[in-house]
């Protein structure tokens, strides 16, 4: 587990999460390398989504930071205000979506001017378990984003 508190603002800490932290202990994560091997004959990507193996709730109500890629859902002007944060490029778009516990529905009041689907970002905000259904996938988590910024290793 890679849970490391980091300094965010003068009076606020956040917890750095990794995608493996979102899967309950002892559960299998479908490796990115075999995601594309799932049949593409069904009409919608959501119909090809593997079942989720549960969620973890120990960070509910806490401020976390999670890196990932944006799959836009809603825009305001030229900025995205709601999106699915995914663990790898092309998830939910070019290949079937990962299980619900590997997807995060992100909302933000301040539209984020994204450079596109292949831009890695860090999302920081209030985390929680929240079952959400979109045309693309079932989603198990949500973040109300205070900060979205380009990913820096």
C-alpha atoms as a PDB file:
ATOM      1  CA  UNK A   1       0.000   0.000   0.000  1.00  0.00           C
ATOM      2  CA  UNK A   2       1.381   3.412  -0.936  1.00  0.00           C
ATOM      3  CA  UNK A   3      -0.404   5.749   1.443  1.00  0.00           C
ATOM      4  CA  UNK A   4       1.874   8.685   2.166  1.00  0.00           C
ATOM      5  CA  UNK A   5       0.592  12.001   3.562  1.00  0.00           C
ATOM      6  CA  UNK A   6       1.906  15.027   1.717  1.00  0.00           C
ATOM      7  CA  UNK A   7       1.696  18.748   2.359  1.00  0.00           C
ATOM      8  CA  UNK A   8      -0.869  20.395   0.071  1.00  0.00           C
ATOM      9  CA  UNK A   9      -1.859  23.809   1.361  1.00  0.00           C
ATOM     10  CA  UNK A  10      -0.671  25.678   4.441  1.00  0.00           C
ATOM     11  CA  UNK A  11      -3.427  24.103   6.547  1.00  0.00           C
ATOM     12  CA  UNK A  12      -4.381  20.910   4.682  1.00  0.00           C
ATOM     13  CA  UNK A  13      -2.835  17.497   4.101  1.00  0.00           C
ATOM     14  CA  UNK A  14      -3.809  14.900   1.543  1.00  0.00           C
ATOM     15  CA  UNK A  15      -3.235  11.190   1.144  1.00  0.00           C
ATOM     16  CA  UNK A  16      -1.440   9.983  -1.989  1.00  0.00           C
ATOM     17  CA  UNK A  17      -3.324   6.990  -3.377  1.00  0.00           C
ATOM     18  CA  UNK A  18      -2.339   4.536  -6.072  1.00  0.00           C
ATOM     19  CA  UNK A  19      -4.849   2.559  -8.160  1.00  0.00           C
ATOM     20  CA  UNK A  20      -3.939  -0.651  -6.333  1.00  0.00           C
ATOM     21  CA  UNK A  21      -5.068   1.024  -3.086  1.00  0.00           C
ATOM     22  CA  UNK A  22      -8.645   1.089  -4.401  1.00  0.00           C
ATOM     23  CA  UNK A  23      -8.965  -2.694  -4.649  1.00  0.00           C
ATOM     24  CA  UNK A  24      -9.742  -4.679  -1.473  1.00  0.00           C
ATOM     25  CA  UNK A  25      -6.846  -6.746  -0.146  1.00  0.00           C
ATOM     26  CA  UNK A  26      -6.608 -10.201  -1.681  1.00  0.00           C
ATOM     27  CA  UNK A  27      -8.612  -9.198  -4.771  1.00  0.00           C
ATOM     28  CA  UNK A  28      -7.218  -9.434  -8.280  1.00  0.00           C
ATOM     29  CA  UNK A  29      -6.534  -6.393 -10.433  1.00  0.00           C
ATOM     30  CA  UNK A  30      -6.884  -7.035 -14.164  1.00  0.00           C
ATOM     31  CA  UNK A  31      -3.492  -6.064 -15.606  1.00  0.00           C
ATOM     32  CA  UNK A  32      -3.555  -3.331 -18.241  1.00  0.00           C
ATOM     33  CA  UNK A  33      -1.754  -5.672 -20.652  1.00  0.00           C
ATOM     34  CA  UNK A  34      -4.754  -8.028 -20.879  1.00  0.00           C
ATOM     35  CA  UNK A  35      -7.508  -5.385 -20.788  1.00  0.00           C
ATOM     36  CA  UNK A  36      -7.481  -5.238 -24.595  1.00  0.00           C
ATOM     37  CA  UNK A  37      -7.901  -9.011 -24.902  1.00  0.00           C
ATOM     38  CA  UNK A  38     -11.558  -8.845 -23.860  1.00  0.00           C
ATOM     39  CA  UNK A  39     -13.954  -9.352 -26.816  1.00  0.00           C
ATOM     40  CA  UNK A  40     -14.908  -6.155 -28.639  1.00  0.00           C
ATOM     41  CA  UNK A  41     -18.074  -7.590 -30.283  1.00  0.00           C
ATOM     42  CA  UNK A  42     -20.580  -6.161 -27.797  1.00  0.00           C
ATOM     43  CA  UNK A  43     -22.175  -2.844 -28.703  1.00  0.00           C
ATOM     44  CA  UNK A  44     -21.124  -0.765 -25.683  1.00  0.00           C
ATOM     45  CA  UNK A  45     -17.901  -0.696 -23.699  1.00  0.00           C
ATOM     46  CA  UNK A  46     -19.913  -0.886 -20.446  1.00  0.00           C
ATOM     47  CA  UNK A  47     -21.269  -4.282 -21.541  1.00  0.00           C
ATOM     48  CA  UNK A  48     -17.687  -5.574 -21.565  1.00  0.00           C
ATOM     49  CA  UNK A  49     -16.736  -4.240 -18.131  1.00  0.00           C
ATOM     50  CA  UNK A  50     -15.363  -6.952 -15.815  1.00  0.00           C
ATOM     51  CA  UNK A  51     -17.166  -7.276 -12.470  1.00  0.00           C
ATOM     52  CA  UNK A  52     -15.824  -5.286  -9.529  1.00  0.00           C
ATOM     53  CA  UNK A  53     -14.441  -7.137  -6.506  1.00  0.00           C
ATOM     54  CA  UNK A  54     -15.629  -4.648  -3.890  1.00  0.00           C
ATOM     55  CA  UNK A  55     -14.534  -1.234  -2.680  1.00  0.00           C
ATOM     56  CA  UNK A  56     -12.453   0.269   0.085  1.00  0.00           C
ATOM     57  CA  UNK A  57     -14.007   2.935   2.251  1.00  0.00           C
ATOM     58  CA  UNK A  58     -11.224   3.873   4.662  1.00  0.00           C
ATOM     59  CA  UNK A  59     -10.572   7.177   2.826  1.00  0.00           C
ATOM     60  CA  UNK A  60     -14.226   8.286   2.649  1.00  0.00           C
ATOM     61  CA  UNK A  61     -14.455  11.958   3.564  1.00  0.00           C
ATOM     62  CA  UNK A  62     -10.704  12.487   3.370  1.00  0.00           C
ATOM     63  CA  UNK A  63      -8.672  14.579   0.940  1.00  0.00           C
ATOM     64  CA  UNK A  64      -6.698  12.375  -1.428  1.00  0.00           C
ATOM     65  CA  UNK A  65      -4.551  12.762  -4.540  1.00  0.00           C
ATOM     66  CA  UNK A  66      -4.796  10.206  -7.337  1.00  0.00           C
ATOM     67  CA  UNK A  67      -3.039  10.251 -10.719  1.00  0.00           C
ATOM     68  CA  UNK A  68      -4.788   9.106 -13.879  1.00  0.00           C
ATOM     69  CA  UNK A  69      -6.194  10.025 -17.270  1.00  0.00           C
ATOM     70  CA  UNK A  70      -9.335  12.024 -18.103  1.00  0.00           C
ATOM     71  CA  UNK A  71     -12.332  10.607 -19.958  1.00  0.00           C
ATOM     72  CA  UNK A  72     -14.572  13.711 -20.291  1.00  0.00           C
ATOM     73  CA  UNK A  73     -18.266  13.529 -19.364  1.00  0.00           C
ATOM     74  CA  UNK A  74     -19.363  17.180 -19.066  1.00  0.00           C
ATOM     75  CA  UNK A  75     -17.969  20.546 -20.169  1.00  0.00           C
ATOM     76  CA  UNK A  76     -18.395  24.189 -19.232  1.00  0.00           C
ATOM     77  CA  UNK A  77     -17.080  26.351 -22.050  1.00  0.00           C
ATOM     78  CA  UNK A  78     -13.827  24.712 -23.101  1.00  0.00           C
ATOM     79  CA  UNK A  79     -13.073  23.115 -19.731  1.00  0.00           C
ATOM     80  CA  UNK A  80     -14.176  19.748 -18.397  1.00  0.00           C
ATOM     81  CA  UNK A  81     -16.298  19.834 -15.205  1.00  0.00           C
ATOM     82  CA  UNK A  82     -17.088  16.126 -14.849  1.00  0.00           C
ATOM     83  CA  UNK A  83     -15.010  13.180 -15.993  1.00  0.00           C
ATOM     84  CA  UNK A  84     -14.026   9.608 -15.294  1.00  0.00           C
ATOM     85  CA  UNK A  85     -10.502   9.307 -13.919  1.00  0.00           C
ATOM     86  CA  UNK A  86      -9.007   6.104 -15.337  1.00  0.00           C
ATOM     87  CA  UNK A  87      -5.749   4.287 -14.532  1.00  0.00           C
ATOM     88  CA  UNK A  88      -4.434   3.964 -18.096  1.00  0.00           C
ATOM     89  CA  UNK A  89      -4.712   5.623 -21.501  1.00  0.00           C
ATOM     90  CA  UNK A  90      -7.676   4.475 -23.555  1.00  0.00           C
ATOM     91  CA  UNK A  91      -9.702   2.942 -20.713  1.00  0.00           C
ATOM     92  CA  UNK A  92     -13.452   3.312 -21.404  1.00  0.00           C
ATOM     93  CA  UNK A  93     -12.700   4.656 -24.891  1.00  0.00           C
ATOM     94  CA  UNK A  94     -10.497   2.309 -26.921  1.00  0.00           C
ATOM     95  CA  UNK A  95     -10.716  -0.774 -24.713  1.00  0.00           C
ATOM     96  CA  UNK A  96     -13.404  -2.049 -22.347  1.00  0.00           C
ATOM     97  CA  UNK A  97     -13.504  -0.221 -19.021  1.00  0.00           C
ATOM     98  CA  UNK A  98     -11.711  -1.596 -15.981  1.00  0.00           C
ATOM     99  CA  UNK A  99     -13.808  -2.886 -13.062  1.00  0.00           C
ATOM    100  CA  UNK A 100     -15.829  -0.232 -11.213  1.00  0.00           C
ATOM    101  CA  UNK A 101     -13.318  -0.185  -8.343  1.00  0.00           C
ATOM    102  CA  UNK A 102     -10.680   1.051 -10.791  1.00  0.00           C
ATOM    103  CA  UNK A 103     -12.702   4.090 -11.915  1.00  0.00           C
ATOM    104  CA  UNK A 104     -13.345   7.422 -10.184  1.00  0.00           C
ATOM    105  CA  UNK A 105     -16.073   9.932 -11.109  1.00  0.00           C
ATOM    106  CA  UNK A 106     -14.600  13.420 -10.701  1.00  0.00           C
ATOM    107  CA  UNK A 107     -16.519  16.682 -10.495  1.00  0.00           C
ATOM    108  CA  UNK A 108     -15.060  20.160 -10.218  1.00  0.00           C
ATOM    109  CA  UNK A 109     -16.548  23.626  -9.922  1.00  0.00           C
ATOM    110  CA  UNK A 110     -13.596  25.147 -11.782  1.00  0.00           C
ATOM    111  CA  UNK A 111     -13.485  23.786 -15.358  1.00  0.00           C
ATOM    112  CA  UNK A 112     -10.175  22.089 -16.170  1.00  0.00           C
ATOM    113  CA  UNK A 113      -8.688  22.944 -19.567  1.00  0.00           C
ATOM    114  CA  UNK A 114      -7.510  19.493 -20.607  1.00  0.00           C
ATOM    115  CA  UNK A 115      -4.958  18.858 -23.321  1.00  0.00           C
ATOM    116  CA  UNK A 116      -6.813  15.655 -24.280  1.00  0.00           C
ATOM    117  CA  UNK A 117      -7.383  12.017 -23.351  1.00  0.00           C
ATOM    118  CA  UNK A 118      -3.703  11.214 -23.200  1.00  0.00           C
ATOM    119  CA  UNK A 119      -2.785  13.882 -20.655  1.00  0.00           C
ATOM    120  CA  UNK A 120      -1.852  12.435 -17.255  1.00  0.00           C
ATOM    121  CA  UNK A 121      -3.222  14.460 -14.334  1.00  0.00           C
ATOM    122  CA  UNK A 122      -3.206  14.491 -10.557  1.00  0.00           C
ATOM    123  CA  UNK A 123      -6.633  15.005  -8.982  1.00  0.00           C
ATOM    124  CA  UNK A 124      -6.807  16.218  -5.386  1.00  0.00           C
ATOM    125  CA  UNK A 125     -10.054  16.475  -3.460  1.00  0.00           C
ATOM    126  CA  UNK A 126     -12.630  14.879  -1.186  1.00  0.00           C
ATOM    127  CA  UNK A 127     -12.829  11.111  -1.780  1.00  0.00           C
ATOM    128  CA  UNK A 128     -15.719   8.726  -1.290  1.00  0.00           C
ATOM    129  CA  UNK A 129     -17.346   5.517  -2.404  1.00  0.00           C
ATOM    130  CA  UNK A 130     -20.232   6.378  -4.720  1.00  0.00           C
ATOM    131  CA  UNK A 131     -21.836   4.033  -7.216  1.00  0.00           C
ATOM    132  CA  UNK A 132     -22.315   5.922 -10.481  1.00  0.00           C
ATOM    133  CA  UNK A 133     -23.484   4.675 -13.868  1.00  0.00           C
ATOM    134  CA  UNK A 134     -22.572   6.368 -17.149  1.00  0.00           C
ATOM    135  CA  UNK A 135     -22.938   5.268 -20.775  1.00  0.00           C
ATOM    136  CA  UNK A 136     -19.322   4.137 -20.612  1.00  0.00           C
ATOM    137  CA  UNK A 137     -19.045   2.270 -17.315  1.00  0.00           C
ATOM    138  CA  UNK A 138     -20.108   1.522 -13.763  1.00  0.00           C
ATOM    139  CA  UNK A 139     -17.990   3.600 -11.354  1.00  0.00           C
ATOM    140  CA  UNK A 140     -17.362   2.817  -7.673  1.00  0.00           C
ATOM    141  CA  UNK A 141     -15.627   5.970  -6.388  1.00  0.00           C
ATOM    142  CA  UNK A 142     -15.953   9.754  -6.574  1.00  0.00           C
ATOM    143  CA  UNK A 143     -13.728  12.757  -5.945  1.00  0.00           C
ATOM    144  CA  UNK A 144     -14.974  16.309  -5.566  1.00  0.00           C
ATOM    145  CA  UNK A 145     -11.856  17.957  -6.972  1.00  0.00           C
ATOM    146  CA  UNK A 146     -10.274  20.996  -5.385  1.00  0.00           C
ATOM    147  CA  UNK A 147      -7.241  20.764  -7.635  1.00  0.00           C
ATOM    148  CA  UNK A 148      -6.526  19.180 -11.021  1.00  0.00           C
ATOM    149  CA  UNK A 149      -3.072  19.603 -12.441  1.00  0.00           C
ATOM    150  CA  UNK A 150      -0.757  17.962 -14.962  1.00  0.00           C
ATOM    151  CA  UNK A 151       0.894  14.843 -13.519  1.00  0.00           C
ATOM    152  CA  UNK A 152       4.442  15.268 -12.292  1.00  0.00           C
ATOM    153  CA  UNK A 153       6.392  12.189 -11.253  1.00  0.00           C
END
